[in-house]
C-alpha atoms as a PDB file:
ATOM      1  CA  MET A   1      -0.644  96.825-143.549  1.00  0.00           C
ATOM      2  CA  ILE A   2       2.975  95.787-144.067  1.00  0.00           C
ATOM      3  CA  TYR A   3       3.999  92.288-142.983  1.00  0.00           C
ATOM      4  CA  GLU A   4       7.579  91.030-142.909  1.00  0.00           C
ATOM      5  CA  VAL A   5       7.627  87.380-143.982  1.00  0.00           C
ATOM      6  CA  SER A   6      10.134  84.658-144.793  1.00  0.00           C
ATOM      7  CA  GLY A   7       9.895  82.206-147.663  1.00  0.00           C
ATOM      8  CA  ASP A   8       9.980  81.952-151.436  1.00  0.00           C
ATOM      9  CA  ILE A   9       8.327  84.990-153.019  1.00  0.00           C
ATOM     10  CA  LEU A  10       7.551  82.958-156.134  1.00  0.00           C
ATOM     11  CA  LEU A  11       5.116  80.976-153.975  1.00  0.00           C
ATOM     12  CA  THR A  12       3.262  84.056-152.739  1.00  0.00           C
ATOM     13  CA  LYS A  13      -0.516  84.121-152.787  1.00  0.00           C
ATOM     14  CA  ALA A  14      -0.392  87.906-153.268  1.00  0.00           C
ATOM     15  CA  GLN A  15      -1.974  89.231-156.440  1.00  0.00           C
ATOM     16  CA  VAL A  16       1.140  91.180-157.453  1.00  0.00           C
ATOM     17  CA  ILE A  17       4.890  90.682-157.125  1.00  0.00           C
ATOM     18  CA  ALA A  18       6.996  93.849-157.363  1.00  0.00           C
ATOM     19  CA  HIS A  19      10.779  93.852-157.691  1.00  0.00           C
ATOM     20  CA  GLY A  20      13.591  96.261-158.479  1.00  0.00           C
ATOM     21  CA  VAL A  21      15.402  96.406-161.817  1.00  0.00           C
ATOM     22  CA  ALA A  22      17.213  98.812-164.106  1.00  0.00           C
ATOM     23  CA  ALA A  23      15.968  99.929-167.511  1.00  0.00           C
ATOM     24  CA  ASN A  24      16.966  97.290-170.084  1.00  0.00           C
ATOM     25  CA  ASP A  25      17.960  94.988-167.230  1.00  0.00           C
ATOM     26  CA  PRO A  26      19.171  91.604-168.503  1.00  0.00           C
ATOM     27  CA  MET A  27      17.383  90.019-165.500  1.00  0.00           C
ATOM     28  CA  ASN A  28      20.195  87.520-165.050  1.00  0.00           C
ATOM     29  CA  GLN A  29      20.624  87.697-161.253  1.00  0.00           C
ATOM     30  CA  GLY A  30      18.577  87.162-158.111  1.00  0.00           C
ATOM     31  CA  LEU A  31      14.813  87.501-158.088  1.00  0.00           C
ATOM     32  CA  ALA A  32      14.824  89.114-161.541  1.00  0.00           C
ATOM     33  CA  LEU A  33      16.380  85.931-162.957  1.00  0.00           C
ATOM     34  CA  SER A  34      13.781  83.764-161.202  1.00  0.00           C
ATOM     35  CA  LEU A  35      10.961  85.919-162.584  1.00  0.00           C
ATOM     36  CA  HIS A  36      12.591  85.897-166.037  1.00  0.00           C
ATOM     37  CA  ASN A  37      12.693  82.088-165.934  1.00  0.00           C
ATOM     38  CA  ALA A  38       9.118  81.818-164.643  1.00  0.00           C
ATOM     39  CA  PHE A  39       7.712  84.384-167.095  1.00  0.00           C
ATOM     40  CA  PRO A  40       9.941  84.641-170.197  1.00  0.00           C
ATOM     41  CA  SER A  41       7.372  86.763-172.022  1.00  0.00           C
ATOM     42  CA  MET A  42       7.539  89.337-169.191  1.00  0.00           C
ATOM     43  CA  HIS A  43      11.234  89.819-169.871  1.00  0.00           C
ATOM     44  CA  LYS A  44      10.655  90.224-173.599  1.00  0.00           C
ATOM     45  CA  ASP A  45       7.749  92.647-173.066  1.00  0.00           C
ATOM     46  CA  TYR A  46       9.786  94.648-170.536  1.00  0.00           C
ATOM     47  CA  HIS A  47      12.611  95.160-173.020  1.00  0.00           C
ATOM     48  CA  HIS A  48      10.133  96.205-175.692  1.00  0.00           C
ATOM     49  CA  TRP A  49       8.654  98.762-173.258  1.00  0.00           C
ATOM     50  CA  CYS A  50      12.118 100.035-172.298  1.00  0.00           C
ATOM     51  CA  ASN A  51      13.126 100.458-175.943  1.00  0.00           C
ATOM     52  CA  SER A  52       9.930 102.335-176.807  1.00  0.00           C
ATOM     53  CA  GLN A  53       9.480 104.420-173.618  1.00  0.00           C
ATOM     54  CA  HIS A  54      13.065 105.018-172.397  1.00  0.00           C
ATOM     55  CA  PRO A  55      12.099 104.847-168.705  1.00  0.00           C
ATOM     56  CA  LYS A  56      14.011 106.607-165.979  1.00  0.00           C
ATOM     57  CA  PRO A  57      14.820 105.464-162.451  1.00  0.00           C
ATOM     58  CA  GLY A  58      11.727 105.923-160.315  1.00  0.00           C
ATOM     59  CA  ASP A  59       9.345 104.605-162.982  1.00  0.00           C
ATOM     60  CA  ALA A  60       7.304 101.405-162.666  1.00  0.00           C
ATOM     61  CA  TRP A  61       5.910  99.058-165.305  1.00  0.00           C
ATOM     62  CA  MET A  62       3.299  96.339-164.826  1.00  0.00           C
ATOM     63  CA  TRP A  63       3.210  93.088-166.762  1.00  0.00           C
ATOM     64  CA  GLY A  64       0.109  90.943-166.833  1.00  0.00           C
ATOM     65  CA  GLY A  65       0.367  87.294-167.740  1.00  0.00           C
ATOM     66  CA  THR A  66      -2.159  84.540-168.071  1.00  0.00           C
ATOM     67  CA  GLY A  67      -4.750  84.347-165.348  1.00  0.00           C
ATOM     68  CA  ASP A  68      -4.208  86.857-162.578  1.00  0.00           C
ATOM     69  CA  THR A  69      -0.404  86.909-162.769  1.00  0.00           C
ATOM     70  CA  ARG A  70       0.967  90.438-162.283  1.00  0.00           C
ATOM     71  CA  VAL A  71       4.595  91.537-161.952  1.00  0.00           C
ATOM     72  CA  VAL A  72       5.589  95.152-161.406  1.00  0.00           C
ATOM     73  CA  ASN A  73       9.110  96.100-162.437  1.00  0.00           C
ATOM     74  CA  LEU A  74      10.276  98.993-160.259  1.00  0.00           C
ATOM     75  CA  ILE A  75      13.131 100.912-161.827  1.00  0.00           C
ATOM     76  CA  THR A  76      15.298 101.398-158.764  1.00  0.00           C
ATOM     77  CA  GLN A  77      18.646 101.441-160.576  1.00  0.00           C
ATOM     78  CA  GLU A  78      20.299 103.429-163.323  1.00  0.00           C
ATOM     79  CA  GLY A  79      20.076 101.589-166.604  1.00  0.00           C
ATOM     80  CA  GLY A  80      20.394 102.127-170.307  1.00  0.00           C
ATOM     81  CA  TYR A  81      23.649 100.238-170.259  1.00  0.00           C
ATOM     82  CA  LEU A  82      25.175  98.440-173.188  1.00  0.00           C
ATOM     83  CA  HIS A  83      24.639  94.730-173.803  1.00  0.00           C
ATOM     84  CA  GLY A  84      26.735  92.719-171.368  1.00  0.00           C
ATOM     85  CA  SER A  85      27.436  95.540-168.923  1.00  0.00           C
ATOM     86  CA  LYS A  86      26.002  95.641-165.421  1.00  0.00           C
ATOM     87  CA  PRO A  87      23.201  97.871-164.157  1.00  0.00           C
ATOM     88  CA  GLY A  88      24.097 100.829-161.966  1.00  0.00           C
ATOM     89  CA  LYS A  89      23.487 100.950-158.253  1.00  0.00           C
ATOM     90  CA  ALA A  90      20.143 101.890-156.754  1.00  0.00           C
ATOM     91  CA  THR A  91      19.550 105.013-154.685  1.00  0.00           C
ATOM     92  CA  PRO A  92      17.027 105.591-151.888  1.00  0.00           C
ATOM     93  CA  LYS A  93      15.461 108.332-154.042  1.00  0.00           C
ATOM     94  CA  HIS A  94      14.961 105.959-156.985  1.00  0.00           C
ATOM     95  CA  VAL A  95      13.471 103.355-154.634  1.00  0.00           C
ATOM     96  CA  GLY A  96      11.124 105.933-153.111  1.00  0.00           C
ATOM     97  CA  ASP A  97      10.052 107.310-156.489  1.00  0.00           C
ATOM     98  CA  SER A  98       9.360 103.837-157.893  1.00  0.00           C
ATOM     99  CA  LEU A  99       7.374 102.916-154.759  1.00  0.00           C
ATOM    100  CA  LYS A 100       5.355 106.121-155.156  1.00  0.00           C
ATOM    101  CA  ALA A 101       4.547 105.024-158.722  1.00  0.00           C
ATOM    102  CA  LEU A 102       3.660 101.556-157.396  1.00  0.00           C
ATOM    103  CA  ALA A 103       1.303 102.996-154.766  1.00  0.00           C
ATOM    104  CA  LYS A 104      -0.530 104.945-157.488  1.00  0.00           C
ATOM    105  CA  MET A 105      -0.716 101.784-159.581  1.00  0.00           C
ATOM    106  CA  VAL A 106      -2.143  99.807-156.641  1.00  0.00           C
ATOM    107  CA  SER A 107      -4.975 102.340-156.287  1.00  0.00           C
ATOM    108  CA  LYS A 108      -5.659 102.643-160.008  1.00  0.00           C
ATOM    109  CA  GLU A 109      -5.625  98.892-160.699  1.00  0.00           C
ATOM    110  CA  LYS A 110      -7.376  98.021-157.419  1.00  0.00           C
ATOM    111  CA  PHE A 111      -4.825  95.399-156.441  1.00  0.00           C
ATOM    112  CA  THR A 112      -5.819  93.305-153.449  1.00  0.00           C
ATOM    113  CA  SER A 113      -2.360  92.285-152.161  1.00  0.00           C
ATOM    114  CA  LEU A 114       1.299  92.862-152.920  1.00  0.00           C
ATOM    115  CA  ALA A 115       4.577  90.999-152.330  1.00  0.00           C
ATOM    116  CA  LEU A 116       8.065  92.427-152.691  1.00  0.00           C
ATOM    117  CA  PRO A 117      11.598  91.526-151.642  1.00  0.00           C
ATOM    118  CA  ARG A 118      14.072  93.652-149.714  1.00  0.00           C
ATOM    119  CA  LEU A 119      14.236  96.034-152.674  1.00  0.00           C
ATOM    120  CA  ALA A 120      17.569  97.194-154.059  1.00  0.00           C
ATOM    121  CA  THR A 121      19.626  95.371-151.413  1.00  0.00           C
ATOM    122  CA  GLY A 122      21.103  92.750-153.745  1.00  0.00           C
ATOM    123  CA  VAL A 123      22.346  93.914-157.123  1.00  0.00           C
ATOM    124  CA  GLY A 124      21.110  97.430-156.253  1.00  0.00           C
ATOM    125  CA  GLY A 125      23.748  97.667-153.508  1.00  0.00           C
ATOM    126  CA  LEU A 126      21.713  99.432-150.811  1.00  0.00           C
ATOM    127  CA  ASP A 127      21.600  98.515-147.138  1.00  0.00           C
ATOM    128  CA  TRP A 128      18.295  97.138-145.824  1.00  0.00           C
ATOM    129  CA  GLU A 129      18.286  99.620-142.941  1.00  0.00           C
ATOM    130  CA  GLU A 130      18.295 102.379-145.571  1.00  0.00           C
ATOM    131  CA  VAL A 131      15.511 100.842-147.693  1.00  0.00           C
ATOM    132  CA  LYS A 132      13.106  99.614-145.003  1.00  0.00           C
ATOM    133  CA  PRO A 133      11.965 103.110-143.900  1.00  0.00           C
ATOM    134  CA  VAL A 134      11.415 104.093-147.544  1.00  0.00           C
ATOM    135  CA  ILE A 135       9.119 101.087-148.034  1.00  0.00           C
ATOM    136  CA  GLU A 136       7.276 101.904-144.811  1.00  0.00           C
ATOM    137  CA  ARG A 137       6.858 105.569-145.769  1.00  0.00           C
ATOM    138  CA  ARG A 138       5.609 104.855-149.308  1.00  0.00           C
ATOM    139  CA  LEU A 139       3.470 101.735-148.754  1.00  0.00           C
ATOM    140  CA  SER A 140       2.156 101.799-145.164  1.00  0.00           C
ATOM    141  CA  GLY A 141      -0.864 103.875-146.236  1.00  0.00           C
ATOM    142  CA  LEU A 142      -2.096 101.236-148.663  1.00  0.00           C
ATOM    143  CA  GLU A 143      -5.279  99.506-147.574  1.00  0.00           C
ATOM    144  CA  ILE A 144      -4.112  96.097-148.753  1.00  0.00           C
ATOM    145  CA  PRO A 145      -1.702  93.554-147.278  1.00  0.00           C
ATOM    146  CA  VAL A 146       1.895  94.204-148.339  1.00  0.00           C
ATOM    147  CA  PHE A 147       4.252  91.282-147.773  1.00  0.00           C
ATOM    148  CA  VAL A 148       7.940  92.149-147.613  1.00  0.00           C
ATOM    149  CA  TYR A 149      10.051  89.025-148.001  1.00  0.00           C
ATOM    150  CA  ILE A 150      12.956  89.695-145.672  1.00  0.00           C
ATOM    151  CA  GLU A 151      14.419  86.172-145.771  1.00  0.00           C
ATOM    152  CA  TYR A 152      14.521  83.821-148.743  1.00  0.00           C
ATOM    153  CA  HIS A 153      13.794  80.131-148.235  1.00  0.00           C
ATOM    154  CA  LYS A 154      13.616  78.296-151.563  1.00  0.00           C
ATOM    155  CA  GLY A 155      10.484  76.232-152.013  1.00  0.00           C
ATOM    156  CA  GLN A 156       8.925  77.384-148.747  1.00  0.00           C
ATOM    157  CA  ALA A 157       5.656  79.309-148.809  1.00  0.00           C
ATOM    158  CA  ALA A 158       5.550  82.212-146.386  1.00  0.00           C
ATOM    159  CA  GLN A 159       2.784  82.657-143.849  1.00  0.00           C
ATOM    160  CA  GLU A 160       0.886  85.586-145.361  1.00  0.00           C
ATOM    161  CA  PRO A 161      -1.780  86.821-142.921  1.00  0.00           C
ATOM    162  CA  GLY A 162      -5.190  87.262-144.507  1.00  0.00           C
ATOM    163  CA  LEU A 163      -4.467  85.245-147.671  1.00  0.00           C
END
């Protein structure tokens, strides 16, 4: 079931946080920056994975930290850019493909809950009205709660039904 919530996604009680990035993303803006600051080893491990696997838009990569911390990096934007340049824009196809990979990951890893922002609507440059139906199409069949953070309120925990 998909729930639209408001609050600070870093305070989620969901087992997994998923967010959109580009390959080799510097993670210096928005939610990616917050996750980079909260989990510096995730950023380092992500770059190692990118350099060894050369991912394409539509891929997804999971990082597991101490305890039950899980972050899934959804490659929604073109990447492979040079140091200091900006990631490319996202496309609905890249978002859909990365969410398809996420849905497979949810089943394989037996995740119990998932939180994600309004994917690809910040740095990715897409309109929420374009992304929302893609999220609904790709994730509504999951048998776990999916919390889509549609409004950000720093320091405020969202009301997440069932958690």
